[in-house]
């Protein structure tokens, strides 16, 4: 072989290796990055009661944390000890359940009653099946010597809400993008099913101070009435495809988590999704009415307010507000994210064309 041939062969080899490396880099980067920003927009959840299945999407556009969205405020001219960020969806004597998509991931939100309405309520919630790496981000109420009770375990909570009117109650659990759960059960008791009924601080008759309806709200604005006497199960997935689980990508980052509904064959580095039978009945959602703003009102209360205090909560293993914050999560609906198909294929073809040209030289 001549010296020139040897040089050309060496250049050919280096060009071929460079083209292969470029192909790997392009395909690899597209496999990890795309889709993470829009994945939570595609998340769907199912709320089941017996054979009835309701499919919902999260509220929110991902621009605020769930704390900012809920905006729990102790003292304000508009209302005291209440959520001021949800006034447009609050309903009088109605308890709501929904998923919220925030800048910090997916959260399960409970919202009871409406500000500046005279009558209150009592409710008790026993929540189980929560991901152990999540946290209770919002407690309504959250002040010194509060009437409400929040008790936590690694994967559950016992909450007692007591309202004397004019305010909201509720809570928010952040972490629904975790791979550490499949189904959350919310068993809520209302009205005379609660041992604190009638509440001693109520005005008016006990029947005036009752929750009339329990609803689940979807991101499209629709609401579906729930059976107030039965627990609900909340899971990622769809009514047609069953329960799914969020599964982490091989790098273990929650930021690139995926949702899978599988047939039992998954890669070794992901958590197998659990399929459930397709429910036999699907609930029909109804359009919700946006609540109008209410007149400014302030509530006199002899309780000393302290927004930063959490003296009333008993927690196990650092759950909720007394725990640590979880990392920002973004959940993807496909292993490689939306948009991997055409763009990746085009760039891969271009890179392979470079390989062919290099080999011709």
Protein backbone atom coordinates (compact mmCIF):
# COMPACT_ATOMS: atom_id res chain seq x y z
CA UNK A 1 0.00 0.00 0.00
CA UNK A 2 1.33 3.46 -0.94
CA UNK A 3 1.78 6.20 1.62
CA UNK A 4 -1.08 8.19 -0.02
CA UNK A 5 -3.38 5.19 0.15
CA UNK A 6 -2.54 4.72 3.82
CA UNK A 7 -3.30 8.37 4.56
CA UNK A 8 -6.60 8.18 2.67
CA UNK A 9 -7.53 4.97 4.47
CA UNK A 10 -6.81 6.61 7.80
CA UNK A 11 -8.88 9.64 6.88
CA UNK A 12 -11.70 7.36 5.71
CA UNK A 13 -11.63 5.48 9.00
CA UNK A 14 -11.72 8.66 11.05
CA UNK A 15 -14.59 10.08 8.96
CA UNK A 16 -16.58 6.89 9.32
CA UNK A 17 -16.10 6.80 13.09
CA UNK A 18 -17.06 10.47 13.39
CA UNK A 19 -20.24 9.92 11.40
CA UNK A 20 -21.21 6.95 13.56
CA UNK A 21 -20.53 8.96 16.72
CA UNK A 22 -22.70 11.81 15.38
CA UNK A 23 -25.55 9.39 14.69
CA UNK A 24 -25.38 7.96 18.21
CA UNK A 25 -25.28 11.44 19.77
CA UNK A 26 -28.26 12.69 17.74
CA UNK A 27 -30.46 9.67 18.38
CA UNK A 28 -29.43 9.44 22.03
CA UNK A 29 -30.15 13.08 22.78
CA UNK A 30 -33.54 12.91 21.11
CA UNK A 31 -34.39 9.78 23.08
CA UNK A 32 -33.95 11.58 26.40
CA UNK A 33 -34.81 15.24 25.98
CA UNK A 34 -37.97 15.77 23.85
CA UNK A 35 -41.36 15.53 25.46
CA UNK A 36 -40.37 16.40 29.02
CA UNK A 37 -41.84 19.90 28.78
CA UNK A 38 -45.24 18.83 27.41
CA UNK A 39 -45.63 15.39 28.96
CA UNK A 40 -47.80 16.42 31.91
CA UNK A 41 -50.26 18.04 29.51
CA UNK A 42 -50.95 14.54 28.20
CA UNK A 43 -51.40 12.87 31.60
CA UNK A 44 -54.81 11.36 32.30
CA UNK A 45 -56.17 9.97 35.55
CA UNK A 46 -59.12 7.79 36.40
CA UNK A 47 -61.38 8.16 39.41
CA UNK A 48 -63.25 4.96 40.19
CA UNK A 49 -66.16 4.16 42.49
CA UNK A 50 -67.20 0.55 42.12
CA UNK A 51 -67.85 -0.07 38.43
CA UNK A 52 -68.09 3.64 37.62
CA UNK A 53 -65.01 5.19 35.99
CA UNK A 54 -64.43 8.89 35.38
CA UNK A 55 -61.44 9.97 33.29
CA UNK A 56 -59.97 13.39 34.07
CA UNK A 57 -57.06 15.57 33.06
CA UNK A 58 -55.10 17.86 35.39
CA UNK A 59 -55.97 21.51 35.94
CA UNK A 60 -53.17 24.03 35.51
CA UNK A 61 -50.65 24.94 32.82
CA UNK A 62 -47.47 24.13 34.71
CA UNK A 63 -46.59 27.76 35.40
CA UNK A 64 -47.19 27.80 39.18
CA UNK A 65 -46.43 25.55 42.11
CA UNK A 66 -49.44 23.99 43.77
CA UNK A 67 -48.87 26.28 46.77
CA UNK A 68 -49.06 29.34 44.53
CA UNK A 69 -52.15 28.01 42.79
CA UNK A 70 -54.02 27.22 46.02
CA UNK A 71 -52.79 30.43 47.69
CA UNK A 72 -53.75 29.58 51.26
CA UNK A 73 -53.98 32.86 53.19
CA UNK A 74 -54.53 33.30 56.91
CA UNK A 75 -55.66 36.93 57.11
CA UNK A 76 -56.83 38.95 54.14
CA UNK A 77 -59.46 41.57 53.32
CA UNK A 78 -61.05 39.13 50.86
CA UNK A 79 -61.32 36.19 53.27
CA UNK A 80 -59.50 34.60 56.20
CA UNK A 81 -58.03 31.11 56.57
CA UNK A 82 -58.89 30.24 52.99
CA UNK A 83 -57.72 29.46 49.48
CA UNK A 84 -57.64 32.70 47.51
CA UNK A 85 -56.22 31.14 44.34
CA UNK A 86 -59.23 28.95 43.60
CA UNK A 87 -62.10 31.43 43.92
CA UNK A 88 -63.09 30.91 40.28
CA UNK A 89 -63.84 27.21 40.86
CA UNK A 90 -65.10 27.21 44.46
CA UNK A 91 -68.70 26.09 44.99
CA UNK A 92 -70.86 26.67 48.07
CA UNK A 93 -71.37 23.56 50.25
CA UNK A 94 -69.54 21.42 47.67
CA UNK A 95 -66.41 19.30 48.14
CA UNK A 96 -64.08 18.95 45.17
CA UNK A 97 -61.32 16.56 44.15
CA UNK A 98 -58.93 17.15 41.24
CA UNK A 99 -55.40 16.73 39.94
CA UNK A 100 -53.28 19.86 39.46
CA UNK A 101 -50.34 20.17 37.06
CA UNK A 102 -47.86 22.69 38.43
CA UNK A 103 -44.30 23.74 37.85
CA UNK A 104 -43.36 21.29 40.62
CA UNK A 105 -45.19 18.28 39.21
CA UNK A 106 -48.60 16.67 39.62
CA UNK A 107 -50.63 17.08 42.81
CA UNK A 108 -53.87 15.72 44.25
CA UNK A 109 -56.04 18.57 45.56
CA UNK A 110 -58.99 18.57 47.96
CA UNK A 111 -61.07 21.77 48.06
CA UNK A 112 -64.12 22.23 50.27
CA UNK A 113 -66.78 24.94 50.24
CA UNK A 114 -66.53 28.60 49.17
CA UNK A 115 -65.33 31.81 50.80
CA UNK A 116 -67.78 34.38 52.15
CA UNK A 117 -70.70 31.98 52.41
CA UNK A 118 -72.32 31.76 55.86
CA UNK A 119 -72.46 28.06 56.67
CA UNK A 120 -69.74 25.54 57.44
CA UNK A 121 -69.28 21.75 57.41
CA UNK A 122 -67.30 18.85 58.86
CA UNK A 123 -65.48 16.14 56.93
CA UNK A 124 -62.93 13.45 57.69
CA UNK A 125 -60.52 12.07 55.10
CA UNK A 126 -58.54 8.83 55.28
CA UNK A 127 -56.10 8.73 52.37
CA UNK A 128 -53.99 5.66 51.53
CA UNK A 129 -51.75 4.42 48.73
CA UNK A 130 -49.78 7.66 48.42
CA UNK A 131 -46.25 7.57 46.99
CA UNK A 132 -43.77 7.63 49.88
CA UNK A 133 -41.57 10.15 48.06
CA UNK A 134 -44.35 12.76 47.83
CA UNK A 135 -45.37 15.42 50.36
CA UNK A 136 -48.36 17.34 51.63
CA UNK A 137 -47.65 20.76 50.15
CA UNK A 138 -50.82 22.54 51.36
CA UNK A 139 -52.76 22.30 54.60
CA UNK A 140 -55.98 24.30 54.84
CA UNK A 141 -56.07 25.19 57.67
CA UNK A 142 -52.53 25.84 58.81
CA UNK A 143 -52.29 28.10 61.85
CA UNK A 144 -51.64 27.84 65.57
CA UNK A 145 -54.42 26.18 67.61
CA UNK A 146 -56.38 25.29 64.51
CA UNK A 147 -59.48 23.11 64.68
CA UNK A 148 -58.34 20.89 61.80
CA UNK A 149 -56.15 17.80 62.21
CA UNK A 150 -53.50 16.48 59.81
CA UNK A 151 -51.81 13.19 60.67
CA UNK A 152 -49.41 11.51 58.25
CA UNK A 153 -47.74 8.17 57.63
CA UNK A 154 -45.33 7.25 54.83
CA UNK A 155 -48.13 6.46 52.40
CA UNK A 156 -51.28 7.79 54.04
CA UNK A 157 -53.01 10.54 55.97
CA UNK A 158 -55.87 11.12 58.38
CA UNK A 159 -57.39 14.60 58.03
CA UNK A 160 -60.21 16.21 59.98
CA UNK A 161 -61.71 19.39 58.52
CA UNK A 162 -63.97 21.64 60.62
CA UNK A 163 -65.42 24.87 59.25
CA UNK A 164 -67.73 27.40 60.88
CA UNK A 165 -68.45 29.15 57.57
CA UNK A 166 -67.12 32.02 55.47
CA UNK A 167 -64.03 30.06 54.47
CA UNK A 168 -62.59 27.10 52.56
CA UNK A 169 -60.83 24.00 53.80
CA UNK A 170 -58.71 21.56 51.86
CA UNK A 171 -55.25 20.14 51.19
CA UNK A 172 -52.85 19.30 48.38
CA UNK A 173 -50.49 16.34 48.06
CA UNK A 174 -47.59 16.75 45.62
CA UNK A 175 -45.99 13.72 43.99
CA UNK A 176 -48.43 12.06 41.59
CA UNK A 177 -45.67 11.78 38.98
CA UNK A 178 -43.86 9.23 41.17
CA UNK A 179 -43.25 5.61 40.17
CA UNK A 180 -43.87 4.63 43.79
CA UNK A 181 -47.64 4.09 43.56
CA UNK A 182 -50.44 2.96 41.28
CA UNK A 183 -53.72 3.72 43.08
CA UNK A 184 -54.62 6.21 45.82
CA UNK A 185 -57.76 5.64 47.87
CA UNK A 186 -59.62 8.62 49.33
CA UNK A 187 -62.28 7.67 51.88
CA UNK A 188 -64.06 10.89 52.86
CA UNK A 189 -66.86 11.01 55.43
CA UNK A 190 -69.22 13.99 55.41
CA UNK A 191 -71.87 15.53 57.64
CA UNK A 192 -73.53 13.21 60.17
CA UNK A 193 -71.10 10.43 59.23
CA UNK A 194 -68.50 12.42 61.19
CA UNK A 195 -68.39 12.13 64.99
CA UNK A 196 -67.89 15.91 65.34
CA UNK A 197 -71.30 16.61 63.79
CA UNK A 198 -72.85 19.00 64.74
CA UNK A 199 -69.84 21.28 65.16
CA UNK A 200 -70.10 23.51 68.22
CA UNK A 201 -69.04 26.69 66.41
CA UNK A 202 -71.78 26.62 63.76
CA UNK A 203 -74.46 29.22 63.37
CA UNK A 204 -77.84 28.09 62.10
CA UNK A 205 -79.17 24.56 62.18
CA UNK A 206 -76.94 21.50 61.58
CA UNK A 207 -78.72 20.83 58.28
CA UNK A 208 -77.58 24.25 57.04
CA UNK A 209 -73.96 23.31 57.69
CA UNK A 210 -73.58 20.32 55.43
CA UNK A 211 -71.74 19.42 52.25
CA UNK A 212 -74.40 18.86 49.59
CA UNK A 213 -72.28 17.38 46.79
CA UNK A 214 -68.90 15.77 46.18
CA UNK A 215 -67.45 16.25 42.70
CA UNK A 216 -64.34 15.47 40.71
CA UNK A 217 -63.15 18.26 38.42
CA UNK A 218 -61.27 17.85 35.14
CA UNK A 219 -58.91 20.18 33.33
CA UNK A 220 -61.44 20.77 30.55
CA UNK A 221 -63.80 22.44 33.06
CA UNK A 222 -66.22 19.53 33.39
CA UNK A 223 -67.29 18.11 36.75
CA UNK A 224 -68.72 14.73 37.68
CA UNK A 225 -70.73 14.04 40.82
CA UNK A 226 -69.36 11.37 43.16
CA UNK A 227 -71.17 9.10 45.61
CA UNK A 228 -70.65 10.75 49.01
CA UNK A 229 -71.04 7.41 50.81
CA UNK A 230 -68.27 5.52 48.98
CA UNK A 231 -64.47 5.90 48.76
CA UNK A 232 -62.83 6.73 45.45
CA UNK A 233 -59.69 5.34 43.84
CA UNK A 234 -57.44 7.70 41.88
CA UNK A 235 -54.91 6.26 39.44
CA UNK A 236 -52.91 7.34 36.41
CA UNK A 237 -54.40 5.78 33.32
CA UNK A 238 -57.58 5.79 31.26
CA UNK A 239 -61.02 4.23 31.51
CA UNK A 240 -60.41 2.29 28.30
CA UNK A 241 -56.87 1.14 29.07
CA UNK A 242 -56.98 0.68 32.83
CA UNK A 243 -54.52 1.67 35.54
CA UNK A 244 -51.00 2.72 34.58
CA UNK A 245 -47.96 3.67 36.64
CA UNK A 246 -45.38 6.36 36.12
CA UNK A 247 -42.01 4.70 35.51
CA UNK A 248 -38.58 6.30 35.74
CA UNK A 249 -36.16 6.32 32.80
CA UNK A 250 -32.87 4.37 33.14
CA UNK A 251 -31.08 7.45 34.50
CA UNK A 252 -33.47 7.42 37.46
CA UNK A 253 -34.51 11.04 37.01
CA UNK A 254 -38.11 11.93 37.87
CA UNK A 255 -37.82 14.74 35.34
CA UNK A 256 -38.06 12.20 32.53
CA UNK A 257 -40.59 9.82 34.07
CA UNK A 258 -42.89 7.96 31.73
CA UNK A 259 -46.35 6.42 32.00
CA UNK A 260 -46.75 2.86 30.86
CA UNK A 261 -49.75 0.59 30.52
CA UNK A 262 -48.04 -2.66 29.75
CA UNK A 263 -48.76 -6.27 28.89
CA UNK A 264 -46.27 -7.43 31.51
CA UNK A 265 -43.08 -7.15 29.43
CA UNK A 266 -40.97 -4.16 30.40
CA UNK A 267 -37.30 -3.34 30.48
CA UNK A 268 -35.44 -4.34 33.60
CA UNK A 269 -34.77 -0.74 34.60
CA UNK A 270 -38.42 0.33 34.69
CA UNK A 271 -41.28 -0.51 37.03
CA UNK A 272 -43.92 -2.74 35.48
CA UNK A 273 -47.28 -1.05 35.12
CA UNK A 274 -50.35 -2.70 36.60
CA UNK A 275 -53.33 -3.21 34.33
CA UNK A 276 -56.85 -3.21 35.71
CA UNK A 277 -60.00 -4.50 34.00
CA UNK A 278 -61.80 -1.92 31.92
CA UNK A 279 -64.66 -0.54 34.03
CA UNK A 280 -68.15 -1.43 32.89
CA UNK A 281 -69.63 2.01 33.32
CA UNK A 282 -68.29 5.46 32.51
CA UNK A 283 -69.62 8.47 34.34
CA UNK A 284 -70.88 11.39 32.28
CA UNK A 285 -69.23 14.71 33.05
CA UNK A 286 -71.17 17.94 33.23
CA UNK A 287 -70.02 21.45 32.48
CA UNK A 288 -69.04 23.43 35.54
CA UNK A 289 -70.10 26.98 36.31
CA UNK A 290 -67.45 29.52 37.13
CA UNK A 291 -68.07 31.17 40.45
CA UNK A 292 -68.27 34.94 40.44
CA UNK A 293 -66.18 37.07 42.72
CA UNK A 294 -67.77 37.75 46.09
CA UNK A 295 -67.78 41.03 48.04
CA UNK A 296 -64.82 41.79 50.24
CA UNK A 297 -65.28 40.42 53.72
CA UNK A 298 -63.15 39.83 56.79
CA UNK A 299 -63.77 37.34 59.54
CA UNK A 300 -63.13 38.09 63.18
CA UNK A 301 -61.41 35.23 64.95
CA UNK A 302 -60.02 35.08 68.46
CA UNK A 303 -57.41 32.58 67.39
CA UNK A 304 -53.85 33.84 67.00
CA UNK A 305 -52.86 33.34 63.36
CA UNK A 306 -49.48 32.04 62.38
CA UNK A 307 -49.10 31.03 58.75
CA UNK A 308 -45.73 29.42 59.31
CA UNK A 309 -46.81 27.24 62.24
CA UNK A 310 -47.79 23.59 62.05
CA UNK A 311 -48.34 22.78 65.72
CA UNK A 312 -51.56 20.87 65.06
CA UNK A 313 -50.08 18.20 62.80
CA UNK A 314 -48.73 14.85 63.89
CA UNK A 315 -46.46 13.34 61.23
CA UNK A 316 -44.70 10.03 60.83
CA UNK A 317 -41.40 9.90 58.98
CA UNK A 318 -41.45 13.48 57.81
CA UNK A 319 -44.65 13.50 55.76
CA UNK A 320 -46.15 16.67 54.37
CA UNK A 321 -45.29 20.19 55.44
CA UNK A 322 -42.96 18.95 58.14
CA UNK A 323 -41.04 16.86 55.62
CA UNK A 324 -38.57 17.72 52.89
CA UNK A 325 -39.38 19.04 49.46
CA UNK A 326 -39.35 16.65 46.54
CA UNK A 327 -37.55 17.47 43.29
CA UNK A 328 -39.38 19.02 40.38
CA UNK A 329 -41.04 16.33 38.31
CA UNK A 330 -42.08 16.22 34.69
CA UNK A 331 -43.90 13.15 33.51
CA UNK A 332 -43.69 11.86 29.97
CA UNK A 333 -46.34 9.76 28.25
CA UNK A 334 -43.88 7.95 25.94
CA UNK A 335 -40.55 6.29 26.56
CA UNK A 336 -38.80 8.72 24.24
CA UNK A 337 -41.20 11.63 24.60
CA UNK A 338 -43.55 13.15 22.03
CA UNK A 339 -41.94 14.18 18.77
CA UNK A 340 -39.26 11.49 18.73
CA UNK A 341 -40.58 9.84 15.57
CA UNK A 342 -40.20 12.07 12.50
CA UNK A 343 -37.48 14.44 13.75
CA UNK A 344 -35.23 11.68 15.03
CA UNK A 345 -35.68 9.62 11.87
CA UNK A 346 -34.80 12.57 9.61
CA UNK A 347 -31.65 13.46 11.52
CA UNK A 348 -30.64 9.81 11.72
CA UNK A 349 -31.01 9.47 7.94
CA UNK A 350 -28.87 12.58 7.40
CA UNK A 351 -26.20 11.20 9.72
CA UNK A 352 -26.21 7.85 7.94
CA UNK A 353 -25.92 9.63 4.62
CA UNK A 354 -22.77 11.21 6.01
CA UNK A 355 -21.51 7.76 6.83
CA UNK A 356 -22.13 6.61 3.24
CA UNK A 357 -20.32 9.62 1.78
CA UNK A 358 -17.43 9.09 4.12
CA UNK A 359 -17.12 5.48 3.07
CA UNK A 360 -17.12 6.40 -0.63
CA UNK A 361 -14.12 8.60 -0.04
